[in-house]
Structures are given as C-alpha cells and as structure tokens.
Protein backbone atom coordinates (compact mmCIF):
# COMPACT_ATOMS: atom_id res chain seq x y z
CA MET A 1 15.55 22.29 41.26
CA GLN A 2 16.39 25.89 40.38
CA HIS A 3 18.65 26.49 37.37
CA LYS A 4 20.39 29.58 36.05
CA HIS A 5 20.16 30.47 32.37
CA SER A 6 22.13 33.10 30.49
CA LEU A 7 20.75 35.08 27.56
CA ILE A 8 23.34 37.13 25.67
CA MET A 9 21.70 40.19 24.15
CA GLY A 10 24.89 42.24 23.48
CA ASP A 11 24.05 45.44 21.65
CA ILE A 12 20.49 44.38 20.74
CA PRO A 13 18.37 47.36 21.85
CA LEU A 14 14.96 47.12 23.48
CA GLY A 15 12.53 46.30 20.74
CA LYS A 16 10.91 43.49 18.77
CA LEU A 17 13.97 41.25 18.53
CA PHE A 18 14.94 41.78 22.18
CA PHE A 19 11.53 40.83 23.55
CA MET A 20 11.10 37.96 21.11
CA ARG A 21 14.27 36.36 22.46
CA LEU A 22 13.27 37.07 26.04
CA GLU A 23 9.79 35.64 25.48
CA ASN A 24 11.19 32.43 23.92
CA THR A 25 13.64 31.95 26.80
CA PHE A 26 10.88 32.25 29.37
CA LEU A 27 8.80 29.79 27.36
CA LEU A 28 11.44 27.12 27.58
CA ILE A 29 12.86 27.39 31.12
CA GLU A 30 11.28 25.84 34.18
CA SER A 31 9.30 27.70 36.86
CA ASN A 32 11.49 29.27 39.54
CA ASP A 33 14.56 29.18 37.31
CA CYS A 34 16.70 32.32 37.19
CA LEU A 35 17.53 34.11 33.97
CA GLU A 36 20.64 36.27 33.48
CA ILE A 37 20.37 38.78 30.63
CA LEU A 38 23.75 40.05 29.44
CA SER A 39 23.53 43.42 27.65
CA ASP A 40 25.69 46.35 26.60
CA TYR A 41 23.04 48.76 27.84
CA ASP A 42 22.71 50.12 31.40
CA ASN A 43 19.15 51.44 31.29
CA LEU A 44 17.00 48.36 30.73
CA ALA A 45 15.74 47.84 34.31
CA PRO A 46 12.53 49.96 34.09
CA GLU A 47 11.39 48.21 30.90
CA LEU A 48 12.28 44.78 32.25
CA ILE A 49 10.38 45.47 35.49
CA SER A 50 7.28 46.44 33.49
CA TYR A 51 7.65 43.35 31.31
CA CYS A 52 7.85 41.05 34.35
CA ARG A 53 4.77 42.59 35.93
CA PHE A 54 2.82 42.14 32.74
CA LYS A 55 3.99 38.55 32.17
CA GLY A 56 3.86 37.35 35.73
CA GLU A 57 7.63 36.99 36.08
CA GLU A 58 9.89 38.57 38.76
CA PHE A 59 12.66 41.15 38.28
CA LEU A 60 15.49 40.55 40.82
CA HIS A 61 18.34 43.05 40.36
CA THR A 62 20.92 44.59 38.06
CA GLU A 63 24.65 44.11 38.18
CA ALA A 64 27.45 46.13 36.48
CA LEU A 65 30.04 43.95 34.80
CA PRO A 66 33.48 44.89 33.39
CA MET A 67 32.14 44.55 29.82
CA GLY A 68 28.46 45.38 30.18
CA PHE A 69 25.49 44.80 32.49
CA ALA A 70 23.64 41.79 33.85
CA TYR A 71 19.91 41.79 34.60
CA TYR A 72 18.54 38.99 36.76
CA LEU A 73 14.99 37.71 36.45
CA LYS A 74 13.09 34.74 37.87
CA LYS A 75 10.39 32.74 36.10
CA ARG A 76 7.23 32.76 38.18
CA SER A 77 4.73 31.87 35.45
CA PRO A 78 3.51 28.25 35.08
CA LYS A 79 5.21 25.71 32.91
CA HIS A 80 4.48 26.30 29.21
CA PHE A 81 5.28 22.92 27.70
CA VAL A 82 4.24 19.40 28.66
CA ALA A 83 7.28 17.22 29.31
CA LEU A 84 6.28 13.82 27.97
CA GLN A 85 8.46 10.75 27.99
CA GLY A 86 11.10 10.28 25.33
CA ASP A 87 10.86 7.77 22.54
CA SER A 88 9.43 4.93 24.58
CA ILE A 89 5.89 4.08 23.57
CA ASP A 90 2.94 4.03 26.02
CA SER A 91 -0.15 1.96 25.32
CA LEU A 92 -2.33 5.07 24.96
CA ALA A 93 -1.47 8.30 23.15
CA PRO A 94 -1.52 11.40 25.43
CA SER A 95 -4.41 13.71 24.63
CA GLU A 96 -2.09 16.75 24.73
CA MET A 97 -0.16 15.68 21.64
CA GLY A 98 -2.35 17.30 19.01
CA LEU A 99 -0.56 17.13 15.65
CA SER A 100 2.87 16.64 17.17
CA ALA A 101 4.92 13.49 16.96
CA ARG A 102 6.07 11.36 19.88
CA GLY A 103 9.14 12.88 21.55
CA SER A 104 8.03 16.48 21.07
CA LYS A 105 6.91 18.73 23.92
CA PRO A 106 3.42 20.20 23.24
CA GLN A 107 2.57 23.63 24.62
CA VAL A 108 0.04 23.76 27.43
CA GLY A 109 -3.40 24.61 26.09
CA SER A 110 -2.93 23.09 22.66
CA PRO A 111 -6.24 21.78 21.27
CA ASN A 112 -7.28 18.17 21.71
CA TYR A 113 -7.87 16.70 18.27
CA TYR A 114 -9.78 13.76 19.74
CA PHE A 115 -8.12 11.11 17.53
CA GLY A 116 -10.41 8.12 17.48
CA ILE A 117 -7.52 5.64 17.32
CA SER A 118 -5.22 6.29 20.27
CA SER A 119 -4.51 2.74 21.46
CA LYS A 120 -1.23 1.07 20.67
CA GLU A 121 -2.88 -2.37 20.72
CA ALA A 122 -5.18 -1.54 17.84
CA ILE A 123 -2.55 -0.40 15.35
CA TRP A 124 0.98 -1.22 16.44
CA SER A 125 3.38 -3.65 14.80
CA GLU A 126 6.92 -4.18 16.08
CA ASN A 127 8.16 -4.36 12.46
CA VAL A 128 6.44 -1.19 11.32
CA SER A 129 9.64 0.86 10.85
CA ARG A 130 11.40 -1.94 9.00
CA ILE A 131 8.45 -2.44 6.65
CA TYR A 132 8.35 1.30 6.01
CA GLU A 133 12.07 1.28 5.12
CA ASP A 134 11.48 -1.69 2.81
CA SER A 135 8.61 0.16 1.11
CA LYS A 136 10.91 3.15 0.40
CA ASN A 137 13.58 0.93 -1.10
CA ALA A 138 11.10 -1.04 -3.22
CA GLN A 139 9.34 1.78 -5.03
CA TRP A 140 8.73 1.20 -8.75
CA ASN A 141 7.11 3.14 -11.57
CA ALA A 142 4.29 1.61 -13.59
CA THR A 143 5.24 3.68 -16.67
CA ARG A 144 9.01 3.41 -16.56
CA ASP A 145 9.60 -0.08 -15.13
CA ILE A 146 7.19 -2.08 -17.33
CA ASP A 147 8.09 -2.52 -21.00
CA TRP A 148 4.61 -2.05 -22.40
CA THR A 149 5.90 -2.45 -25.97
CA GLN A 150 6.56 -6.11 -25.26
CA ILE A 151 2.89 -7.02 -24.59
CA THR A 152 2.21 -9.87 -26.95
CA THR A 153 -0.77 -10.44 -29.27
CA LEU A 154 -3.05 -13.05 -27.71
CA SER A 155 -6.19 -14.85 -28.72
CA PRO A 156 -9.44 -12.83 -28.24
CA SER A 157 -10.64 -15.18 -25.46
CA LEU A 158 -7.36 -14.93 -23.55
CA GLU A 159 -7.08 -11.21 -23.88
CA SER A 160 -10.71 -10.78 -22.80
CA SER A 161 -10.00 -12.89 -19.72
CA ILE A 162 -7.01 -10.75 -18.84
CA ALA A 163 -9.08 -7.56 -19.14
CA GLN A 164 -11.77 -9.07 -16.88
CA ILE A 165 -9.19 -10.20 -14.32
CA MET A 166 -7.56 -6.74 -14.36
CA THR A 167 -10.99 -5.20 -13.76
CA TYR A 168 -11.33 -7.36 -10.65
CA LEU A 169 -7.84 -6.54 -9.45
CA VAL A 170 -8.51 -2.78 -9.85
CA GLU A 171 -11.69 -3.06 -7.76
CA ASN A 172 -9.84 -4.82 -4.98
CA GLU A 173 -6.96 -2.36 -5.05
CA LEU A 174 -9.37 0.56 -4.89
CA SER A 175 -10.79 -1.10 -1.75
CA ALA A 176 -7.28 -1.49 -0.32
CA LEU A 177 -6.56 2.17 -1.11
CA TYR A 178 -9.70 3.67 0.39
CA ILE A 179 -9.87 1.61 3.60
CA PRO A 180 -6.53 2.76 5.15
CA SER A 181 -7.22 6.24 3.80
CA LYS A 182 -10.41 6.28 5.85
CA PHE A 183 -8.61 5.43 9.06
CA LEU A 184 -5.45 7.50 8.52
CA PRO A 185 -6.75 10.81 9.98
CA GLN A 186 -8.09 8.97 13.02
CA ILE A 187 -4.71 7.72 14.17
CA SER A 188 -2.89 9.75 16.78
CA PRO A 189 0.50 11.01 15.48
CA TYR A 190 1.90 9.83 18.77
CA PHE A 191 2.20 6.52 16.84
CA HIS A 192 3.62 8.36 13.84
CA GLU A 193 5.27 5.24 12.38
CA VAL A 194 1.87 3.78 11.60
CA PRO A 195 0.52 6.73 9.53
CA LEU A 196 3.85 6.80 7.67
CA LEU A 197 3.51 3.11 6.78
CA LEU A 198 -0.14 3.49 5.85
CA SER A 199 0.79 6.35 3.54
CA SER A 200 3.25 4.07 1.79
CA ILE A 201 0.60 1.33 1.55
CA ILE A 202 -1.82 3.84 -0.01
CA GLY A 203 0.91 4.80 -2.48
CA ASP A 204 1.42 1.11 -3.31
CA GLU A 205 -2.28 0.61 -3.98
CA ALA A 206 -2.44 3.67 -6.19
CA ARG A 207 0.41 2.26 -8.28
CA HIS A 208 -1.30 -1.11 -8.53
CA ILE A 209 -4.52 0.50 -9.72
CA GLU A 210 -2.58 2.37 -12.36
CA VAL A 211 -0.67 -0.69 -13.61
CA PHE A 212 -3.70 -2.97 -13.74
CA ILE A 213 -5.74 -0.37 -15.66
CA LYS A 214 -2.84 0.04 -18.09
CA ARG A 215 -2.64 -3.71 -18.62
CA ALA A 216 -6.38 -3.89 -19.30
CA LYS A 217 -6.02 -1.14 -21.89
CA ALA A 218 -2.76 -2.44 -23.39
CA THR A 219 -4.45 -4.22 -26.28
CA GLY A 220 -7.41 -1.92 -26.64
CA LEU A 221 -10.02 -3.74 -24.62
CA GLY A 222 -9.95 -1.69 -21.38
CA LEU A 223 -11.78 -2.46 -18.16
CA GLN A 224 -14.67 -4.90 -18.33
CA TYR A 225 -17.48 -5.95 -15.99
CA SER A 226 -17.83 -5.10 -12.27
CA THR A 227 -19.90 -7.86 -10.73
CA LEU A 228 -22.35 -7.59 -7.85
CA ALA A 229 -20.57 -10.43 -6.04
CA THR A 230 -17.27 -8.54 -5.99
CA GLN A 231 -18.89 -5.22 -5.02
CA GLN A 232 -20.84 -6.74 -2.12
CA SER A 233 -17.75 -8.52 -0.82
CA LEU A 234 -15.69 -5.35 -0.94
CA TYR A 235 -18.49 -3.32 0.63
CA THR A 236 -18.29 -5.43 3.81
CA LEU A 237 -14.64 -4.34 4.08
CA PHE A 238 -15.33 -0.73 3.25
CA LYS A 239 -18.10 -0.28 5.87
CA GLU A 240 -16.05 -1.74 8.75
CA ARG A 241 -15.52 1.00 11.37
CA ASP A 242 -13.12 -0.73 13.75
CA TYR A 243 -9.50 -0.37 12.72
CA PHE A 244 -8.30 -3.61 14.30
CA ALA A 245 -11.10 -5.62 12.63
CA SER A 246 -10.46 -3.84 9.34
CA SER A 247 -6.73 -4.55 9.49
CA PHE A 248 -7.44 -8.20 10.19
CA LEU A 249 -9.95 -8.60 7.35
CA LEU A 250 -7.94 -6.53 4.86
CA HIS A 251 -4.30 -7.36 5.51
CA ILE A 252 -4.49 -10.95 6.70
CA MET A 253 -7.68 -12.47 5.26
CA GLY A 254 -7.97 -10.35 2.11
CA GLU A 255 -4.51 -9.27 1.00
CA GLY A 256 -3.02 -12.55 2.24
CA THR A 257 -5.31 -14.36 -0.16
CA PHE A 258 -4.59 -11.70 -2.78
CA VAL A 259 -0.87 -12.55 -2.56
CA ASP A 260 -1.75 -16.14 -3.54
CA LEU A 261 -3.87 -14.89 -6.42
CA LEU A 262 -1.13 -12.63 -7.75
CA GLY A 263 1.33 -15.51 -7.52
CA PHE A 264 -1.06 -17.70 -9.50
CA LEU A 265 -1.47 -15.01 -12.17
CA GLU A 266 2.28 -14.49 -12.33
CA ASP A 267 2.85 -18.26 -12.84
CA TYR A 268 0.45 -18.30 -15.83
CA ALA A 269 1.29 -14.89 -17.27
CA PRO A 270 1.47 -15.04 -21.08
CA ASP A 271 4.20 -12.40 -21.47
CA GLU A 272 7.10 -10.92 -19.49
CA PRO A 273 5.62 -7.43 -18.91
CA THR A 274 2.49 -8.96 -17.36
CA LYS A 275 4.59 -11.37 -15.28
CA LYS A 276 6.79 -8.51 -14.02
CA LEU A 277 3.94 -6.17 -13.04
CA LEU A 278 2.25 -8.97 -11.13
CA SER A 279 5.50 -9.83 -9.41
CA LEU A 280 6.10 -6.23 -8.35
CA ALA A 281 2.55 -5.82 -7.09
CA ARG A 282 2.82 -9.12 -5.15
CA ARG A 283 6.03 -7.93 -3.49
CA ASP A 284 4.23 -4.82 -2.27
CA GLU A 285 1.28 -6.80 -0.98
CA LYS A 286 3.53 -9.05 1.05
CA ARG A 287 4.66 -6.01 3.06
CA HIS A 288 1.04 -5.13 3.79
CA VAL A 289 0.38 -8.66 5.00
CA ALA A 290 3.52 -8.56 7.14
CA TYR A 291 2.27 -5.41 8.93
CA GLY A 292 -1.17 -6.89 9.56
CA MET A 293 0.24 -10.18 10.77
CA ASN A 294 2.51 -8.58 13.37
CA ASN A 295 -0.19 -6.19 14.45
CA VAL A 296 -2.76 -8.92 15.07
CA LYS A 297 -0.23 -11.38 16.52
CA ASN A 298 0.95 -8.88 19.13
CA ALA A 299 -2.56 -7.77 20.01
CA LEU A 300 -3.80 -11.36 20.52
CA ALA A 301 -0.75 -12.18 22.62
CA ARG A 302 -1.60 -9.28 24.93
CA ASN A 303 -5.34 -9.80 24.82
CA PRO A 304 -6.49 -13.34 23.82
CA GLY A 305 -10.06 -12.25 24.30
CA LYS A 306 -9.83 -10.46 20.97
CA ILE A 307 -9.93 -13.85 19.21
CA ALA A 308 -13.64 -14.09 19.95
CA PHE A 309 -14.08 -10.58 18.55
CA LEU A 310 -12.34 -11.55 15.28
CA LYS A 311 -14.35 -14.77 15.02
CA ASP A 312 -17.54 -12.77 15.36
CA ILE A 313 -16.39 -10.32 12.67
CA VAL A 314 -15.58 -13.11 10.18
CA PHE A 315 -18.86 -14.97 10.61
CA LYS A 316 -20.96 -11.81 10.54
CA ARG A 317 -19.36 -10.97 7.22
CA LYS A 318 -19.99 -14.53 5.94
CA HIS A 319 -23.66 -14.47 6.94
CA TYR A 320 -24.16 -11.13 5.22
CA LEU A 321 -22.55 -12.32 1.99
CA ASP A 322 -24.35 -15.67 2.06
CA GLU A 323 -27.64 -13.83 1.74
CA PHE A 324 -26.64 -11.84 -1.31
CA SER A 325 -23.92 -13.41 -3.41
CA SER A 326 -21.67 -16.36 -4.11
CA GLU A 327 -18.64 -16.54 -6.32
CA SER A 328 -18.09 -14.21 -9.26
CA SER A 329 -18.64 -16.64 -12.13
CA LEU A 330 -17.20 -14.14 -14.66
CA LEU A 331 -13.96 -13.98 -12.66
CA LEU A 332 -13.72 -17.76 -12.26
CA GLU A 333 -14.22 -18.42 -15.96
CA SER A 334 -11.69 -15.72 -16.83
CA LEU A 335 -9.16 -17.29 -14.43
CA ALA A 336 -9.78 -20.70 -16.04
CA ILE A 337 -9.21 -19.34 -19.53
CA TYR A 338 -6.15 -17.48 -18.31
CA ALA A 339 -4.59 -20.50 -16.58
CA GLY A 340 -5.54 -22.84 -19.44
CA GLY A 341 -4.00 -20.56 -22.03
CA GLY A 342 -7.12 -19.99 -24.13
CA GLY A 343 -10.81 -20.55 -24.73
CA GLU A 344 -10.79 -24.06 -26.14
CA VAL A 345 -12.73 -26.60 -24.12
CA ALA A 346 -9.62 -28.59 -23.16
CA GLN A 347 -7.85 -25.42 -22.13
CA ILE A 348 -10.71 -24.22 -19.99
CA LYS A 349 -11.00 -27.62 -18.29
CA ARG A 350 -7.30 -27.61 -17.52
CA GLY A 351 -7.41 -24.02 -16.31
CA PHE A 352 -10.47 -24.68 -14.13
CA GLU A 353 -8.65 -27.48 -12.33
CA ALA A 354 -5.79 -25.05 -11.66
CA VAL A 355 -8.23 -22.50 -10.26
CA GLU A 356 -9.80 -25.10 -7.94
CA HIS A 357 -6.31 -25.96 -6.71
CA LEU A 358 -5.64 -22.28 -6.19
CA LYS A 359 -8.69 -22.00 -3.93
CA ASP A 360 -7.45 -24.94 -1.85
CA THR A 361 -4.06 -23.26 -1.60
CA MET A 362 -5.66 -19.98 -0.51
CA GLU A 363 -7.66 -21.75 2.20
CA HIS A 364 -4.59 -23.57 3.48
CA ASN A 365 -2.46 -20.45 3.57
CA ARG A 366 -5.13 -18.42 5.30
CA ALA A 367 -5.38 -21.03 8.04
CA LYS A 368 -1.58 -21.02 8.34
CA ARG A 369 -1.47 -17.24 8.75
CA LEU A 370 -4.19 -17.37 11.38
CA ARG A 371 -2.28 -20.03 13.35
CA GLU A 372 0.82 -17.82 13.19
CA CYS A 373 -1.22 -15.01 14.71
CA GLY A 374 -2.02 -17.21 17.72
CA ILE A 375 -5.39 -18.73 16.76
CA GLU A 376 -5.73 -22.46 17.49
CA GLU A 377 -5.84 -24.79 14.52
CA GLY A 378 -9.48 -25.81 14.56
CA LEU A 379 -10.74 -22.22 14.69
CA ALA A 380 -8.13 -21.13 12.16
CA TRP A 381 -9.54 -23.63 9.62
CA ASP A 382 -13.13 -22.53 10.41
CA LEU A 383 -12.26 -18.88 9.89
CA SER A 384 -10.37 -19.66 6.69
CA LYS A 385 -13.31 -21.62 5.25
CA ALA A 386 -15.69 -18.81 6.19
CA HIS A 387 -13.73 -16.24 4.15
CA THR A 388 -15.53 -14.74 1.20
CA PRO A 389 -15.38 -16.86 -2.02
CA ASN A 390 -14.50 -13.65 -3.82
CA PHE A 391 -11.00 -13.90 -2.30
CA MET A 392 -10.67 -10.36 -0.88
C-alpha cells in the first residue's frame, strides 16, 4: 500500500543537513511511497531531480503553497531494512540480525556474523528474564559485605582444611566462569536475554573466586594444593563444545551438586563471616541451577530424543575420568576435619561420617533434579551415580 510522508525542511538550505534528512527519510519509508518535502525555497527542483536520478528515486512535481513550496518525490529504490517480527521469539535466530537485538530492523546487506548458537532450544529458559532481575537485585560485594575482621583464630588443622577447601572452591568457580565466557560470543543476540543472564553469571563467579581467595588468605595460609583429580574433572567440563551439553553438565550436574556442598560448608562454618560468604555464594549458585533446569526441562519436553544425547555425554565423561582419577583425597580429608571441627581422631571420624552423608545427599538431589527435567527415575539414578566423585 502506498503511503504519503511529509518532511518539513523550512528554511534549511540545500546542503549537508538538508540531504542528510532526505537520505534518512528515504531509508525508512517503503518502496513506492510518496514523500512531500515542505520548504521555504522555490528553486530546489533541479537539485532534487539530480538527487533522484543518482539515488534511483523519482521526482514527481512541485507545488506552490500559501506559505512555501512542496516538492513531491516517490521512493523507487528497494527496501533498506528487514522488517522482522516484533518481540515474539522464533526457534531460530534470523541470519540478518548481526549484532542487533530482537525487535530491531537490520539494514539490508549487514554482515552475517555466523553465530554458532542460533537455536532457541539449545539456550532458552522461560525464566531467564526473572533470573536476570533476581541477579541484579542480589548483588553483593566481597570486600564491603563480609566483616573480615571477625574471622576467628582456629586450630592449625582446621585452618589448613579451610584453606584447602577454598582452593578447591576457587578452581571450580574458575571453571564456572570460563565455560559460559567461552560460549557467550557464540550466542546470537536475537536471544539477547541469555547473554545478559550469562554475563551476570560470569560476574557472580568472579565474585565467588574473589571471596574464596580472600578467605584462604584471611589467616595467612593462602591457597593450597590443586589436585590432579580436580583438574581432570574440570577439564572434561572445559573441553565440552556443545552448549546444551555444557549447560546440563555445569548448571544441573555440577552447580546443583555445588549448591549442596556450599550448604554443607555453611552448616559447619566456624565463624559468621565464613558462614555469610558461603550463604551468599550459594544463593547465587541457585540462580544458575534454576536457569539450567528450565533450559533442559523445556528442551527435553520439545525433543525427548535429547535424553539419549545427555546420557551419552554423562557416561563418556565417567569413562574418561575412571581411567585417570578417583576422588580428591586431600579434599575429602579437609572436609572431614572441617565438619568434625578439628584434627583429632574423634573429630575426623565424626566429620568423615558427615561427608559420607553429604555424598548421599548430593546423589539423591541430583536424581531429583534430573527427574524434574523429565528424565525417568531409573535413568535419573543411573546418571546421578555416574557423576564425577569430585562433585563438579
């Protein structure tokens, strides 16, 4: 349908400003639409005719008005912008989007960035915007919000165990920071809510790394030993190239288990600052798990065949780790000392029982999360039992 558009130029003379406004108007109107230019000047026709010939538009006629002159032009050039749908979300991101968000109108000829992740099924979560809002409201500062002066003096064995545990937590949080960072530039901004949420997750992990390092250093010990068992377990996460598989392994299997670990550490924390920093970190991790849960649940509901894909991913990871490593004995002993309250034999025995109970709780909760995602109970238990003994 043909439309008429008016462009009021007034006393703007022919020149840079005049033609900039004219150019922009022609960019935005549809082909075959008419453009009325209202000007104080009566001698613009020759220049406008030349302009139209050069740009592929059509000059129609001039008309004298009581208070100026009107020049009528018709747009003959092709459409300049792609009219995509509004804010509804298709299953695949249009290739024309480039670095523009959903709802914008990209100009024809814009480069194709070839985003590797352009499928809604692989990344979408219906609660992504709510989780992002929650993340903004829940920001905290590791320097300001933890009263480091209230860290208590502990026995050497207990303080050493805390430093070793913090070393392990830092390694896992570095993994959780780098993995979404790796996928972030591959995601089409058509699904802009997901990169926004991932950026907040990355910020959370950076804050966790900071606070765990500070706790390890709080009494002068600093970070301790990085075990081969932990590094190999995290490497299997780091090298995963498929976003959906990575999200499943990281957010549901790994961080879901990590939430249980942080809760355990919070329960046995020897002082209020340590308890608080673990509580704050756990609150953040719950958001990450919530995103992954909804993402995987929706994807499996649409495509149940992906369950076999996830099963294959879990058991391939298990078989790889079975060849190289088992549990991190340094971590387990540190957890036992931590939960037992010290390095005496009776304390370690009591703490070790608590750690064994923690592992049972982790396994049970993993299976529960998997069932909530739509995986049948028997397979959910099998996948939970196949998870790495290094928790993440």
